[in-house]
Amino acid sequence: MRRFSQKNALVTLADINVTPLLDLAFVLLIIFVITTPLLEQSMQLDLPRGGRPDQFRLERRDIKTVHVSAEGRYQIGQSPMTLEEIERTLVGEFQRNPKLVVDIRADRRVSWEHVSALFDRCGKHGITRVRAITFPER
């Protein structure tokens, strides 16, 4: 005597379990929601207006960008640093790469003493290719 008929076997094969697919979709959604804010690599700055767009292109490895927030906090990449740590980092980079260009992205509300201190530290070690980054005027 047969336990299953041919008709029942076809019915069970026609069912598709979408639960694993939904689990995967939710996991991917959570991963994207968590990692998207981490992709932003600089502080939120309100740059001053002025200057011209760059006339020449530099190699990405030759540029080190220092961010200065409105509160006077310094940052290279994602790493908040003190002025002394910034100085050590830039001197080390300059010794490895004499073509180093330091870009300073300072918020327009920051006190000038924070920016000038950075310029002074660079000049003291012979780093002369230092630029203040602004929004170019059109």
N, C-alpha and C. Protein backbone atom coordinates (compact mmCIF):
# COMPACT_ATOMS: atom_id res chain seq x y z
N MET A 1 0.84 -1.17 0.00
CA MET A 1 0.00 0.00 0.00
C MET A 1 0.89 1.25 0.00
N ARG A 2 0.57 2.23 -0.79
CA ARG A 2 1.35 3.46 -0.91
C ARG A 2 0.96 4.46 0.16
N ARG A 3 1.97 5.09 0.73
CA ARG A 3 1.68 6.10 1.75
C ARG A 3 1.37 7.45 1.13
N PHE A 4 2.13 7.84 0.11
CA PHE A 4 1.94 9.15 -0.51
C PHE A 4 1.49 8.96 -1.96
N SER A 5 0.56 9.75 -2.29
CA SER A 5 0.15 9.68 -3.69
C SER A 5 1.03 10.61 -4.51
N GLN A 6 1.00 10.45 -5.79
CA GLN A 6 1.79 11.29 -6.69
C GLN A 6 1.34 12.75 -6.58
N LYS A 7 0.09 12.98 -6.33
CA LYS A 7 -0.44 14.33 -6.24
C LYS A 7 0.13 15.09 -5.05
N ASN A 8 0.24 14.45 -3.90
CA ASN A 8 0.79 15.09 -2.70
C ASN A 8 2.27 15.42 -2.87
N ALA A 9 3.02 14.61 -3.54
CA ALA A 9 4.45 14.85 -3.74
C ALA A 9 4.66 16.12 -4.56
N LEU A 10 3.83 16.38 -5.53
CA LEU A 10 3.97 17.58 -6.35
C LEU A 10 3.60 18.84 -5.57
N VAL A 11 2.64 18.72 -4.69
CA VAL A 11 2.21 19.87 -3.91
C VAL A 11 3.33 20.32 -2.96
N THR A 12 4.01 19.38 -2.34
CA THR A 12 5.07 19.77 -1.41
C THR A 12 6.27 20.37 -2.14
N LEU A 13 6.53 19.98 -3.37
CA LEU A 13 7.63 20.55 -4.13
C LEU A 13 7.30 21.96 -4.63
N ALA A 14 6.03 22.28 -4.75
CA ALA A 14 5.63 23.58 -5.26
C ALA A 14 5.73 24.68 -4.21
N ASP A 15 5.81 24.33 -2.96
CA ASP A 15 5.92 25.33 -1.89
C ASP A 15 7.35 25.86 -1.82
N ILE A 16 7.49 27.19 -1.77
CA ILE A 16 8.79 27.82 -1.64
C ILE A 16 8.83 28.54 -0.30
N ASN A 17 9.87 28.25 0.47
CA ASN A 17 10.03 28.88 1.77
C ASN A 17 10.81 30.19 1.57
N VAL A 18 10.16 31.32 1.80
CA VAL A 18 10.80 32.62 1.60
C VAL A 18 11.43 33.17 2.88
N THR A 19 11.32 32.47 3.96
CA THR A 19 11.88 32.94 5.23
C THR A 19 13.39 33.17 5.16
N PRO A 20 14.19 32.25 4.62
CA PRO A 20 15.63 32.53 4.52
C PRO A 20 15.94 33.74 3.64
N LEU A 21 15.16 33.93 2.60
CA LEU A 21 15.36 35.08 1.72
C LEU A 21 15.07 36.39 2.47
N LEU A 22 14.00 36.40 3.25
CA LEU A 22 13.67 37.59 4.05
C LEU A 22 14.73 37.83 5.13
N ASP A 23 15.23 36.76 5.74
CA ASP A 23 16.29 36.91 6.74
C ASP A 23 17.53 37.55 6.12
N LEU A 24 17.89 37.09 4.94
CA LEU A 24 19.04 37.65 4.25
C LEU A 24 18.81 39.12 3.91
N ALA A 25 17.62 39.45 3.44
CA ALA A 25 17.31 40.84 3.10
C ALA A 25 17.40 41.74 4.34
N PHE A 26 16.89 41.28 5.46
CA PHE A 26 16.95 42.08 6.69
C PHE A 26 18.38 42.23 7.19
N VAL A 27 19.17 41.19 7.11
CA VAL A 27 20.57 41.28 7.54
C VAL A 27 21.32 42.28 6.66
N LEU A 28 21.12 42.23 5.36
CA LEU A 28 21.79 43.18 4.46
C LEU A 28 21.33 44.61 4.74
N LEU A 29 20.04 44.79 4.99
CA LEU A 29 19.52 46.11 5.32
C LEU A 29 20.17 46.66 6.58
N ILE A 30 20.29 45.84 7.59
CA ILE A 30 20.91 46.27 8.84
C ILE A 30 22.39 46.61 8.62
N ILE A 31 23.08 45.81 7.84
CA ILE A 31 24.49 46.08 7.56
C ILE A 31 24.65 47.42 6.86
N PHE A 32 23.81 47.70 5.86
CA PHE A 32 23.91 48.96 5.14
C PHE A 32 23.53 50.15 6.02
N VAL A 33 22.55 49.98 6.88
CA VAL A 33 22.14 51.08 7.76
C VAL A 33 23.26 51.40 8.75
N ILE A 34 23.98 50.39 9.21
CA ILE A 34 25.05 50.62 10.18
C ILE A 34 26.30 51.17 9.51
N THR A 35 26.67 50.66 8.33
CA THR A 35 27.94 51.06 7.72
C THR A 35 27.86 52.35 6.92
N THR A 36 26.70 52.75 6.44
CA THR A 36 26.61 53.96 5.62
C THR A 36 27.10 55.21 6.36
N PRO A 37 26.72 55.46 7.60
CA PRO A 37 27.25 56.66 8.28
C PRO A 37 28.76 56.60 8.49
N LEU A 38 29.34 55.39 8.56
CA LEU A 38 30.77 55.28 8.77
C LEU A 38 31.58 55.60 7.52
N LEU A 39 30.93 55.65 6.36
CA LEU A 39 31.64 55.94 5.12
C LEU A 39 32.03 57.41 5.03
N GLU A 40 31.36 58.27 5.76
CA GLU A 40 31.72 59.69 5.79
C GLU A 40 33.06 59.80 6.49
N GLN A 41 34.07 60.36 5.79
CA GLN A 41 35.42 60.32 6.31
C GLN A 41 35.95 61.64 6.83
N SER A 42 35.15 62.62 6.99
CA SER A 42 35.66 63.88 7.51
C SER A 42 34.63 64.51 8.43
N MET A 43 35.09 65.49 9.18
CA MET A 43 34.15 66.19 10.05
C MET A 43 33.28 67.13 9.22
N GLN A 44 32.17 67.50 9.78
CA GLN A 44 31.26 68.44 9.13
C GLN A 44 31.81 69.84 9.30
N LEU A 45 32.25 70.45 8.20
CA LEU A 45 32.85 71.78 8.26
C LEU A 45 32.11 72.73 7.32
N ASP A 46 32.08 73.98 7.71
CA ASP A 46 31.52 75.04 6.88
C ASP A 46 32.71 75.86 6.39
N LEU A 47 33.21 75.54 5.18
CA LEU A 47 34.42 76.18 4.68
C LEU A 47 34.15 77.61 4.25
N PRO A 48 35.14 78.49 4.40
CA PRO A 48 34.97 79.87 3.92
C PRO A 48 34.98 79.91 2.40
N ARG A 49 34.47 81.01 1.85
CA ARG A 49 34.43 81.19 0.40
C ARG A 49 35.69 81.91 -0.05
N GLY A 50 36.08 81.67 -1.29
CA GLY A 50 37.22 82.38 -1.86
C GLY A 50 38.15 81.45 -2.59
N GLY A 51 39.14 82.02 -3.24
CA GLY A 51 40.14 81.23 -3.94
C GLY A 51 39.65 80.77 -5.30
N ARG A 52 40.49 80.00 -5.95
CA ARG A 52 40.20 79.45 -7.27
C ARG A 52 40.28 77.94 -7.21
N PRO A 53 39.64 77.27 -8.16
CA PRO A 53 39.82 75.82 -8.23
C PRO A 53 41.28 75.49 -8.54
N ASP A 54 41.72 74.30 -8.14
CA ASP A 54 43.10 73.89 -8.39
C ASP A 54 43.40 73.89 -9.88
N GLN A 55 44.57 74.41 -10.24
CA GLN A 55 45.00 74.45 -11.63
C GLN A 55 45.75 73.18 -12.01
N PHE A 56 46.28 72.47 -11.04
CA PHE A 56 47.08 71.28 -11.32
C PHE A 56 46.59 70.13 -10.44
N ARG A 57 46.91 68.94 -10.86
CA ARG A 57 46.49 67.75 -10.11
C ARG A 57 47.68 67.17 -9.35
N LEU A 58 47.46 66.78 -8.14
CA LEU A 58 48.47 66.14 -7.32
C LEU A 58 48.13 64.66 -7.15
N GLU A 59 49.13 63.89 -6.85
CA GLU A 59 48.89 62.48 -6.52
C GLU A 59 48.22 62.41 -5.14
N ARG A 60 47.29 61.50 -5.00
CA ARG A 60 46.56 61.35 -3.74
C ARG A 60 47.50 61.02 -2.58
N ARG A 61 48.54 60.26 -2.86
CA ARG A 61 49.47 59.86 -1.79
C ARG A 61 50.34 61.02 -1.31
N ASP A 62 50.41 62.10 -2.10
CA ASP A 62 51.22 63.26 -1.74
C ASP A 62 50.45 64.27 -0.87
N ILE A 63 49.16 64.05 -0.66
CA ILE A 63 48.32 65.00 0.07
C ILE A 63 47.92 64.42 1.42
N LYS A 64 48.08 65.21 2.46
CA LYS A 64 47.59 64.86 3.79
C LYS A 64 46.64 65.98 4.20
N THR A 65 45.41 65.64 4.52
CA THR A 65 44.41 66.65 4.88
C THR A 65 44.19 66.67 6.39
N VAL A 66 44.29 67.87 6.95
CA VAL A 66 44.04 68.09 8.38
C VAL A 66 42.74 68.88 8.49
N HIS A 67 41.81 68.38 9.29
CA HIS A 67 40.53 69.05 9.50
C HIS A 67 40.58 69.77 10.85
N VAL A 68 40.07 70.99 10.87
CA VAL A 68 39.99 71.76 12.11
C VAL A 68 38.53 72.16 12.30
N SER A 69 37.91 71.68 13.36
CA SER A 69 36.49 71.96 13.60
C SER A 69 36.31 73.36 14.17
N ALA A 70 35.07 73.79 14.24
CA ALA A 70 34.75 75.12 14.77
C ALA A 70 35.18 75.25 16.23
N GLU A 71 35.25 74.13 16.94
CA GLU A 71 35.66 74.15 18.35
C GLU A 71 37.18 74.07 18.51
N GLY A 72 37.92 73.94 17.40
CA GLY A 72 39.37 73.87 17.48
C GLY A 72 39.92 72.47 17.63
N ARG A 73 39.12 71.44 17.33
CA ARG A 73 39.60 70.06 17.39
C ARG A 73 40.25 69.71 16.06
N TYR A 74 41.35 68.97 16.12
CA TYR A 74 42.09 68.56 14.92
C TYR A 74 41.78 67.10 14.60
N GLN A 75 41.86 66.79 13.31
CA GLN A 75 41.58 65.42 12.89
C GLN A 75 42.30 65.16 11.56
N ILE A 76 42.92 63.98 11.45
CA ILE A 76 43.45 63.48 10.18
C ILE A 76 42.70 62.19 9.89
N GLY A 77 42.03 62.14 8.75
CA GLY A 77 41.22 60.96 8.43
C GLY A 77 40.10 60.84 9.44
N GLN A 78 39.99 59.69 10.07
CA GLN A 78 38.97 59.47 11.09
C GLN A 78 39.51 59.63 12.50
N SER A 79 40.80 59.99 12.63
CA SER A 79 41.45 60.00 13.93
C SER A 79 41.53 61.41 14.52
N PRO A 80 40.78 61.67 15.60
CA PRO A 80 40.96 62.95 16.29
C PRO A 80 42.33 62.96 16.97
N MET A 81 43.03 64.09 16.88
CA MET A 81 44.39 64.19 17.41
C MET A 81 44.61 65.54 18.07
N THR A 82 45.65 65.58 18.89
CA THR A 82 46.09 66.86 19.44
C THR A 82 47.03 67.51 18.43
N LEU A 83 47.37 68.76 18.67
CA LEU A 83 48.28 69.47 17.77
C LEU A 83 49.65 68.79 17.73
N GLU A 84 50.11 68.30 18.87
CA GLU A 84 51.42 67.63 18.93
C GLU A 84 51.39 66.32 18.13
N GLU A 85 50.29 65.57 18.21
CA GLU A 85 50.18 64.33 17.43
C GLU A 85 50.12 64.63 15.93
N ILE A 86 49.42 65.70 15.58
CA ILE A 86 49.36 66.11 14.16
C ILE A 86 50.77 66.45 13.69
N GLU A 87 51.51 67.18 14.51
CA GLU A 87 52.87 67.58 14.15
C GLU A 87 53.75 66.35 13.91
N ARG A 88 53.71 65.38 14.83
CA ARG A 88 54.52 64.16 14.69
C ARG A 88 54.12 63.39 13.43
N THR A 89 52.83 63.30 13.18
CA THR A 89 52.35 62.57 12.00
C THR A 89 52.82 63.24 10.72
N LEU A 90 52.68 64.55 10.64
CA LEU A 90 53.08 65.27 9.43
C LEU A 90 54.58 65.23 9.21
N VAL A 91 55.37 65.32 10.28
CA VAL A 91 56.83 65.25 10.15
C VAL A 91 57.24 63.87 9.65
N GLY A 92 56.62 62.83 10.19
CA GLY A 92 56.92 61.47 9.74
C GLY A 92 56.56 61.27 8.26
N GLU A 93 55.40 61.79 7.87
CA GLU A 93 54.99 61.69 6.46
C GLU A 93 55.94 62.47 5.56
N PHE A 94 56.38 63.65 6.02
CA PHE A 94 57.27 64.49 5.22
C PHE A 94 58.64 63.82 5.05
N GLN A 95 59.10 63.13 6.08
CA GLN A 95 60.38 62.42 5.97
C GLN A 95 60.30 61.27 4.97
N ARG A 96 59.14 60.62 4.90
CA ARG A 96 58.95 59.52 3.94
C ARG A 96 58.68 60.04 2.53
N ASN A 97 58.01 61.20 2.44
CA ASN A 97 57.62 61.74 1.14
C ASN A 97 57.89 63.25 1.11
N PRO A 98 59.01 63.67 0.53
CA PRO A 98 59.34 65.10 0.51
C PRO A 98 58.40 65.94 -0.36
N LYS A 99 57.57 65.30 -1.18
CA LYS A 99 56.61 66.03 -2.01
C LYS A 99 55.28 66.25 -1.27
N LEU A 100 55.26 66.06 0.03
CA LEU A 100 54.03 66.15 0.81
C LEU A 100 53.40 67.53 0.71
N VAL A 101 52.09 67.54 0.51
CA VAL A 101 51.29 68.76 0.52
C VAL A 101 50.28 68.62 1.66
N VAL A 102 50.22 69.60 2.53
CA VAL A 102 49.28 69.56 3.66
C VAL A 102 48.11 70.47 3.32
N ASP A 103 46.93 69.89 3.27
CA ASP A 103 45.70 70.66 3.07
C ASP A 103 45.05 70.89 4.42
N ILE A 104 44.72 72.13 4.72
CA ILE A 104 44.04 72.44 5.98
C ILE A 104 42.61 72.82 5.65
N ARG A 105 41.68 72.00 6.11
CA ARG A 105 40.25 72.28 5.96
C ARG A 105 39.74 72.75 7.31
N ALA A 106 39.61 74.05 7.45
CA ALA A 106 39.19 74.63 8.72
C ALA A 106 37.80 75.23 8.57
N ASP A 107 36.98 75.01 9.56
CA ASP A 107 35.65 75.61 9.59
C ASP A 107 35.80 77.12 9.61
N ARG A 108 34.91 77.83 8.97
CA ARG A 108 35.06 79.29 8.90
C ARG A 108 34.84 79.97 10.24
N ARG A 109 34.26 79.29 11.19
CA ARG A 109 34.02 79.88 12.52
C ARG A 109 35.16 79.59 13.50
N VAL A 110 36.18 78.84 13.08
CA VAL A 110 37.27 78.48 13.99
C VAL A 110 38.13 79.71 14.26
N SER A 111 38.68 79.76 15.45
CA SER A 111 39.60 80.84 15.81
C SER A 111 40.88 80.70 14.97
N TRP A 112 41.38 81.82 14.48
CA TRP A 112 42.56 81.79 13.61
C TRP A 112 43.77 81.20 14.32
N GLU A 113 43.83 81.27 15.65
CA GLU A 113 45.00 80.76 16.36
C GLU A 113 45.18 79.25 16.15
N HIS A 114 44.09 78.51 15.97
CA HIS A 114 44.20 77.06 15.74
C HIS A 114 44.81 76.78 14.37
N VAL A 115 44.43 77.55 13.37
CA VAL A 115 44.95 77.37 12.01
C VAL A 115 46.39 77.86 11.94
N SER A 116 46.67 79.01 12.52
CA SER A 116 48.03 79.55 12.45
C SER A 116 49.01 78.65 13.22
N ALA A 117 48.55 78.03 14.30
CA ALA A 117 49.43 77.10 15.03
C ALA A 117 49.83 75.94 14.14
N LEU A 118 48.89 75.48 13.33
CA LEU A 118 49.18 74.39 12.40
C LEU A 118 50.17 74.84 11.32
N PHE A 119 49.97 76.04 10.78
CA PHE A 119 50.91 76.59 9.80
C PHE A 119 52.31 76.72 10.41
N ASP A 120 52.39 77.20 11.65
CA ASP A 120 53.67 77.39 12.32
C ASP A 120 54.40 76.06 12.53
N ARG A 121 53.66 75.04 12.96
CA ARG A 121 54.28 73.72 13.19
C ARG A 121 54.82 73.14 11.89
N CYS A 122 54.08 73.33 10.81
CA CYS A 122 54.55 72.83 9.51
C CYS A 122 55.81 73.58 9.07
N GLY A 123 55.80 74.91 9.18
CA GLY A 123 56.94 75.72 8.77
C GLY A 123 58.18 75.42 9.59
N LYS A 124 58.01 75.12 10.86
CA LYS A 124 59.13 74.83 11.75
C LYS A 124 59.90 73.60 11.29
N HIS A 125 59.21 72.66 10.64
CA HIS A 125 59.85 71.41 10.19
C HIS A 125 60.13 71.39 8.70
N GLY A 126 59.99 72.53 8.04
CA GLY A 126 60.33 72.61 6.62
C GLY A 126 59.23 72.16 5.68
N ILE A 127 58.04 71.96 6.19
CA ILE A 127 56.91 71.59 5.33
C ILE A 127 56.32 72.89 4.80
N THR A 128 56.69 73.24 3.58
CA THR A 128 56.31 74.53 3.03
C THR A 128 55.10 74.46 2.11
N ARG A 129 54.74 73.28 1.69
CA ARG A 129 53.60 73.15 0.78
C ARG A 129 52.34 72.91 1.61
N VAL A 130 51.80 74.00 2.14
CA VAL A 130 50.61 73.97 2.99
C VAL A 130 49.56 74.84 2.34
N ARG A 131 48.34 74.30 2.21
CA ARG A 131 47.26 75.05 1.58
C ARG A 131 46.05 75.11 2.50
N ALA A 132 45.36 76.25 2.48
CA ALA A 132 44.08 76.38 3.17
C ALA A 132 42.99 76.10 2.13
N ILE A 133 42.14 75.15 2.42
CA ILE A 133 41.10 74.75 1.48
C ILE A 133 39.84 75.57 1.72
N THR A 134 39.30 76.18 0.67
CA THR A 134 38.07 76.96 0.73
C THR A 134 37.15 76.51 -0.39
N PHE A 135 35.91 76.99 -0.37
CA PHE A 135 35.03 76.79 -1.51
C PHE A 135 35.46 77.76 -2.60
N PRO A 136 35.74 77.29 -3.79
CA PRO A 136 36.15 78.22 -4.85
C PRO A 136 35.00 79.12 -5.27
N GLU A 137 35.33 80.37 -5.55
CA GLU A 137 34.32 81.29 -6.08
C GLU A 137 34.19 81.03 -7.57
N ARG A 138 33.03 81.16 -8.07
CA ARG A 138 32.79 80.86 -9.49
C ARG A 138 32.96 82.08 -10.33
